[in-house]
C-alpha atoms as a PDB file:
ATOM      1  CA  MET A   1       0.141  -0.052  -0.143  1.00  0.00           C
ATOM      2  CA  ASP A   2       1.186   3.339  -0.833  1.00  0.00           C
ATOM      3  CA  THR A   3       2.206   5.683   2.273  1.00  0.00           C
ATOM      4  CA  ARG A   4      -0.345   8.220   1.001  1.00  0.00           C
ATOM      5  CA  ASP A   5      -2.957   6.028   1.071  1.00  0.00           C
ATOM      6  CA  ASP A   6      -1.964   4.987   4.746  1.00  0.00           C
ATOM      7  CA  VAL A   7      -1.873   8.375   5.708  1.00  0.00           C
ATOM      8  CA  ARG A   8      -5.221   9.173   4.040  1.00  0.00           C
ATOM      9  CA  GLN A   9      -6.726   5.802   5.974  1.00  0.00           C
ATOM     10  CA  ILE A  10      -5.603   7.385   9.150  1.00  0.00           C
ATOM     11  CA  LEU A  11      -6.591  10.797   8.517  1.00  0.00           C
ATOM     12  CA  ASP A  12     -10.228   9.104   7.791  1.00  0.00           C
ATOM     13  CA  ALA A  13     -10.067   7.247  10.927  1.00  0.00           C
ATOM     14  CA  ALA A  14      -9.038  10.254  13.071  1.00  0.00           C
ATOM     15  CA  ALA A  15     -11.916  11.988  11.667  1.00  0.00           C
ATOM     16  CA  ARG A  16     -14.341   9.399  12.542  1.00  0.00           C
ATOM     17  CA  GLU A  17     -12.960   9.070  15.904  1.00  0.00           C
ATOM     18  CA  PHE A  18     -12.669  12.527  16.820  1.00  0.00           C
ATOM     19  CA  ALA A  19     -16.072  13.280  15.824  1.00  0.00           C
ATOM     20  CA  ARG A  20     -17.550  10.264  17.862  1.00  0.00           C
ATOM     21  CA  GLN A  21     -15.229  11.063  20.804  1.00  0.00           C
ATOM     22  CA  GLY A  22     -13.862  14.460  20.774  1.00  0.00           C
ATOM     23  CA  ILE A  23     -10.022  15.057  20.132  1.00  0.00           C
ATOM     24  CA  ASP A  24      -9.151  14.708  23.752  1.00  0.00           C
ATOM     25  CA  ALA A  25     -10.803  11.563  24.599  1.00  0.00           C
ATOM     26  CA  ALA A  26      -9.780   9.900  21.089  1.00  0.00           C
ATOM     27  CA  SER A  27      -6.590   8.042  21.689  1.00  0.00           C
ATOM     28  CA  LEU A  28      -4.112   7.150  19.067  1.00  0.00           C
ATOM     29  CA  GLU A  29      -4.742   3.460  19.994  1.00  0.00           C
ATOM     30  CA  ASP A  30      -8.446   4.023  18.942  1.00  0.00           C
ATOM     31  CA  ILE A  31      -7.667   5.842  15.945  1.00  0.00           C
ATOM     32  CA  ALA A  32      -4.974   2.820  14.749  1.00  0.00           C
ATOM     33  CA  ALA A  33      -7.509   0.565  15.702  1.00  0.00           C
ATOM     34  CA  THR A  34     -10.158   2.504  13.316  1.00  0.00           C
ATOM     35  CA  ALA A  35      -7.612   2.591  10.527  1.00  0.00           C
ATOM     36  CA  GLY A  36      -6.586  -1.083  10.909  1.00  0.00           C
ATOM     37  CA  PHE A  37      -3.169  -0.340  11.720  1.00  0.00           C
ATOM     38  CA  THR A  38      -0.981  -0.469  14.840  1.00  0.00           C
ATOM     39  CA  LYS A  39      -0.166   2.553  16.923  1.00  0.00           C
ATOM     40  CA  GLY A  40       3.352   2.535  15.481  1.00  0.00           C
ATOM     41  CA  ALA A  41       2.078   2.829  12.144  1.00  0.00           C
ATOM     42  CA  VAL A  42       0.220   5.917  13.024  1.00  0.00           C
ATOM     43  CA  TYR A  43       3.630   7.553  14.537  1.00  0.00           C
ATOM     44  CA  SER A  44       5.446   6.583  11.730  1.00  0.00           C
ATOM     45  CA  ASN A  45       3.340   9.056   9.917  1.00  0.00           C
ATOM     46  CA  PHE A  46       2.281  11.629  12.653  1.00  0.00           C
ATOM     47  CA  ALA A  47       4.619  12.607  15.454  1.00  0.00           C
ATOM     48  CA  SER A  48       1.886  13.522  17.971  1.00  0.00           C
ATOM     49  CA  LYS A  49      -1.842  13.592  18.188  1.00  0.00           C
ATOM     50  CA  ASP A  50      -1.464  17.501  17.592  1.00  0.00           C
ATOM     51  CA  GLU A  51       0.208  17.216  14.412  1.00  0.00           C
ATOM     52  CA  LEU A  52      -2.489  14.381  13.137  1.00  0.00           C
ATOM     53  CA  VAL A  53      -5.219  16.619  14.066  1.00  0.00           C
ATOM     54  CA  LEU A  54      -3.537  19.721  12.330  1.00  0.00           C
ATOM     55  CA  ALA A  55      -3.056  17.867   9.160  1.00  0.00           C
ATOM     56  CA  LEU A  56      -6.614  16.492   9.514  1.00  0.00           C
ATOM     57  CA  VAL A  57      -8.059  20.176   9.861  1.00  0.00           C
ATOM     58  CA  ASP A  58      -5.539  21.365   6.887  1.00  0.00           C
ATOM     59  CA  ALA A  59      -7.052  18.482   4.465  1.00  0.00           C
ATOM     60  CA  GLN A  60     -10.570  19.258   5.564  1.00  0.00           C
ATOM     61  CA  VAL A  61     -10.386  23.185   5.564  1.00  0.00           C
ATOM     62  CA  GLY A  62      -8.448  23.166   2.314  1.00  0.00           C
ATOM     63  CA  THR A  63     -10.364  20.903   0.392  1.00  0.00           C
ATOM     64  CA  ARG A  64     -13.637  22.741   1.536  1.00  0.00           C
ATOM     65  CA  LEU A  65     -11.863  26.214   0.693  1.00  0.00           C
ATOM     66  CA  ARG A  66     -11.081  25.076  -2.891  1.00  0.00           C
ATOM     67  CA  SER A  67     -14.465  23.713  -3.498  1.00  0.00           C
ATOM     68  CA  SER A  68     -16.101  27.087  -2.119  1.00  0.00           C
ATOM     69  CA  VAL A  69     -13.634  29.344  -4.215  1.00  0.00           C
ATOM     70  CA  ASP A  70     -14.286  27.205  -7.227  1.00  0.00           C
ATOM     71  CA  ALA A  71     -18.005  27.587  -6.684  1.00  0.00           C
ATOM     72  CA  VAL A  72     -17.602  31.506  -6.692  1.00  0.00           C
ATOM     73  CA  ASP A  73     -15.482  31.125  -9.921  1.00  0.00           C
ATOM     74  CA  ALA A  74     -18.170  29.129 -11.620  1.00  0.00           C
ATOM     75  CA  THR A  75     -20.744  31.742 -10.828  1.00  0.00           C
ATOM     76  CA  ARG A  76     -18.586  34.879 -11.516  1.00  0.00           C
ATOM     77  CA  GLU A  77     -20.381  35.750 -14.881  1.00  0.00           C
ATOM     78  CA  THR A  78     -23.960  35.284 -13.308  1.00  0.00           C
ATOM     79  CA  THR A  79     -23.866  36.832  -9.659  1.00  0.00           C
ATOM     80  CA  ASP A  80     -23.473  40.257  -8.339  1.00  0.00           C
ATOM     81  CA  ASP A  81     -22.845  38.719  -4.969  1.00  0.00           C
ATOM     82  CA  PRO A  82     -19.774  36.359  -4.945  1.00  0.00           C
ATOM     83  CA  ALA A  83     -19.770  36.589  -1.054  1.00  0.00           C
ATOM     84  CA  ALA A  84     -23.333  35.116  -0.787  1.00  0.00           C
ATOM     85  CA  VAL A  85     -22.271  32.319  -3.104  1.00  0.00           C
ATOM     86  CA  LEU A  86     -19.036  31.588  -0.937  1.00  0.00           C
ATOM     87  CA  GLY A  87     -21.397  31.893   2.284  1.00  0.00           C
ATOM     88  CA  ASP A  88     -23.824  29.422   0.703  1.00  0.00           C
ATOM     89  CA  ARG A  89     -21.149  26.821  -0.194  1.00  0.00           C
ATOM     90  CA  LEU A  90     -19.508  26.955   3.083  1.00  0.00           C
ATOM     91  CA  THR A  91     -23.219  26.446   4.924  1.00  0.00           C
ATOM     92  CA  ALA A  92     -24.090  23.654   2.649  1.00  0.00           C
ATOM     93  CA  ALA A  93     -20.467  21.890   3.441  1.00  0.00           C
ATOM     94  CA  MET A  94     -21.300  22.311   7.443  1.00  0.00           C
ATOM     95  CA  VAL A  95     -24.743  20.721   6.688  1.00  0.00           C
ATOM     96  CA  GLU A  96     -23.338  17.801   4.404  1.00  0.00           C
ATOM     97  CA  HIS A  97     -20.092  17.206   6.646  1.00  0.00           C
ATOM     98  CA  PRO A  98     -21.035  18.375  10.057  1.00  0.00           C
ATOM     99  CA  GLU A  99     -18.331  16.145  11.592  1.00  0.00           C
ATOM    100  CA  GLU A 100     -15.414  18.440   9.788  1.00  0.00           C
ATOM    101  CA  HIS A 101     -17.224  21.520  11.282  1.00  0.00           C
ATOM    102  CA  VAL A 102     -17.254  19.734  14.798  1.00  0.00           C
ATOM    103  CA  LEU A 103     -13.630  18.983  14.444  1.00  0.00           C
ATOM    104  CA  PHE A 104     -12.663  22.477  12.997  1.00  0.00           C
ATOM    105  CA  LEU A 105     -14.500  24.212  16.087  1.00  0.00           C
ATOM    106  CA  GLU A 106     -12.829  21.897  18.726  1.00  0.00           C
ATOM    107  CA  PHE A 107      -9.528  22.489  17.235  1.00  0.00           C
ATOM    108  CA  TRP A 108     -10.221  26.251  17.339  1.00  0.00           C
ATOM    109  CA  LEU A 109     -11.201  26.174  20.839  1.00  0.00           C
ATOM    110  CA  ARG A 110      -7.820  24.118  21.447  1.00  0.00           C
ATOM    111  CA  ALA A 111      -6.088  27.105  19.672  1.00  0.00           C
ATOM    112  CA  ILE A 112      -7.933  29.910  21.664  1.00  0.00           C
ATOM    113  CA  ARG A 113      -7.018  28.156  24.888  1.00  0.00           C
ATOM    114  CA  ASP A 114      -3.408  26.875  24.420  1.00  0.00           C
ATOM    115  CA  ALA A 115      -0.663  28.858  22.740  1.00  0.00           C
ATOM    116  CA  GLY A 116       1.343  26.024  21.481  1.00  0.00           C
ATOM    117  CA  THR A 117      -1.798  24.935  19.568  1.00  0.00           C
ATOM    118  CA  ALA A 118      -2.552  28.438  18.198  1.00  0.00           C
ATOM    119  CA  ALA A 119       1.266  28.610  16.988  1.00  0.00           C
ATOM    120  CA  ARG A 120       0.870  25.367  15.213  1.00  0.00           C
ATOM    121  CA  LEU A 121      -2.521  26.348  13.777  1.00  0.00           C
ATOM    122  CA  GLY A 122      -1.055  29.698  12.510  1.00  0.00           C
ATOM    123  CA  GLN A 123       2.235  28.156  10.816  1.00  0.00           C
ATOM    124  CA  GLY A 124       0.131  26.687   8.067  1.00  0.00           C
ATOM    125  CA  ARG A 125      -1.783  29.750   7.240  1.00  0.00           C
ATOM    126  CA  ARG A 126       1.089  32.338   6.846  1.00  0.00           C
ATOM    127  CA  GLY A 127       1.098  34.056   3.439  1.00  0.00           C
ATOM    128  CA  PRO A 128      -1.519  35.224   0.904  1.00  0.00           C
ATOM    129  CA  PRO A 129      -4.904  34.626   1.096  1.00  0.00           C
ATOM    130  CA  VAL A 130      -6.245  31.707  -1.210  1.00  0.00           C
ATOM    131  CA  ARG A 131      -7.193  33.413  -4.581  1.00  0.00           C
ATOM    132  CA  GLY A 132      -9.548  31.885  -7.027  1.00  0.00           C
ATOM    133  CA  ARG A 133      -9.681  32.663 -10.779  1.00  0.00           C
ATOM    134  CA  ALA A 134     -12.026  35.294 -10.428  1.00  0.00           C
ATOM    135  CA  GLY A 135      -9.961  37.332  -7.827  1.00  0.00           C
ATOM    136  CA  SER A 136     -12.109  36.219  -4.802  1.00  0.00           C
ATOM    137  CA  SER A 137     -10.082  35.550  -1.553  1.00  0.00           C
ATOM    138  CA  ALA A 138     -10.636  34.086   1.725  1.00  0.00           C
ATOM    139  CA  VAL A 139      -9.394  35.954   4.765  1.00  0.00           C
ATOM    140  CA  ARG A 140      -7.185  33.584   7.128  1.00  0.00           C
ATOM    141  CA  ALA A 141      -8.644  33.546  10.688  1.00  0.00           C
ATOM    142  CA  ASP A 142      -6.388  33.903  13.372  1.00  0.00           C
ATOM    143  CA  PRO A 143      -6.865  32.068  16.552  1.00  0.00           C
ATOM    144  CA  THR A 144      -4.561  34.104  18.449  1.00  0.00           C
ATOM    145  CA  ALA A 145      -6.511  37.191  17.751  1.00  0.00           C
ATOM    146  CA  VAL A 146      -9.655  35.781  19.974  1.00  0.00           C
ATOM    147  CA  ARG A 147      -9.329  36.473  23.461  1.00  0.00           C
ATOM    148  CA  ARG A 148      -9.551  33.449  26.164  1.00  0.00           C
ATOM    149  CA  PRO A 149     -12.570  33.788  28.196  1.00  0.00           C
ATOM    150  CA  ARG A 150     -11.280  34.822  31.887  1.00  0.00           C
END
C-alpha cells in the first residue's frame, strides 16, 4: 500500500474517532484500530496527536475552501454577490459534513486556550490568502486574535 493511502486511511479514521469521542478523548490507539493499523504505524506518519489533528484540519479546510472558491469562480458571470455564493457553499458543507465542522471548532477552541496549539495552527496559514480565478479571496482567521475567556 502507498504511504499516501496509509495517511489518508489514518486521517479518515481520526476524523471518525474525533467526531465520535472528541479530540481529547480519542486516543491514537483508537485511531489506529479504526484505521486497521498499529499505534506505531500512526506514529510513523504523525509525530503526535496534535500533528495528526492539524493535518486533518488542513486537509478538510483546504478541500472545502478550494471547493467554495471554485463555486464562486463558476458563478462569477451570473452573480453580483460572490460573498453570498461563498457563504452558501460553506454553509452547505457544514450541513453535508458536520463532523468536519465539529472537528474544526474543537481544534479552534484548543487554539484559543493553548498558545502552542495556536502557534501550530497559525504556521500553516501564513502567506497570501487563497485566490480563485475570479480574484475572490478568503481571509485567514487567526485564533491568537481571539481572547481567551477569563
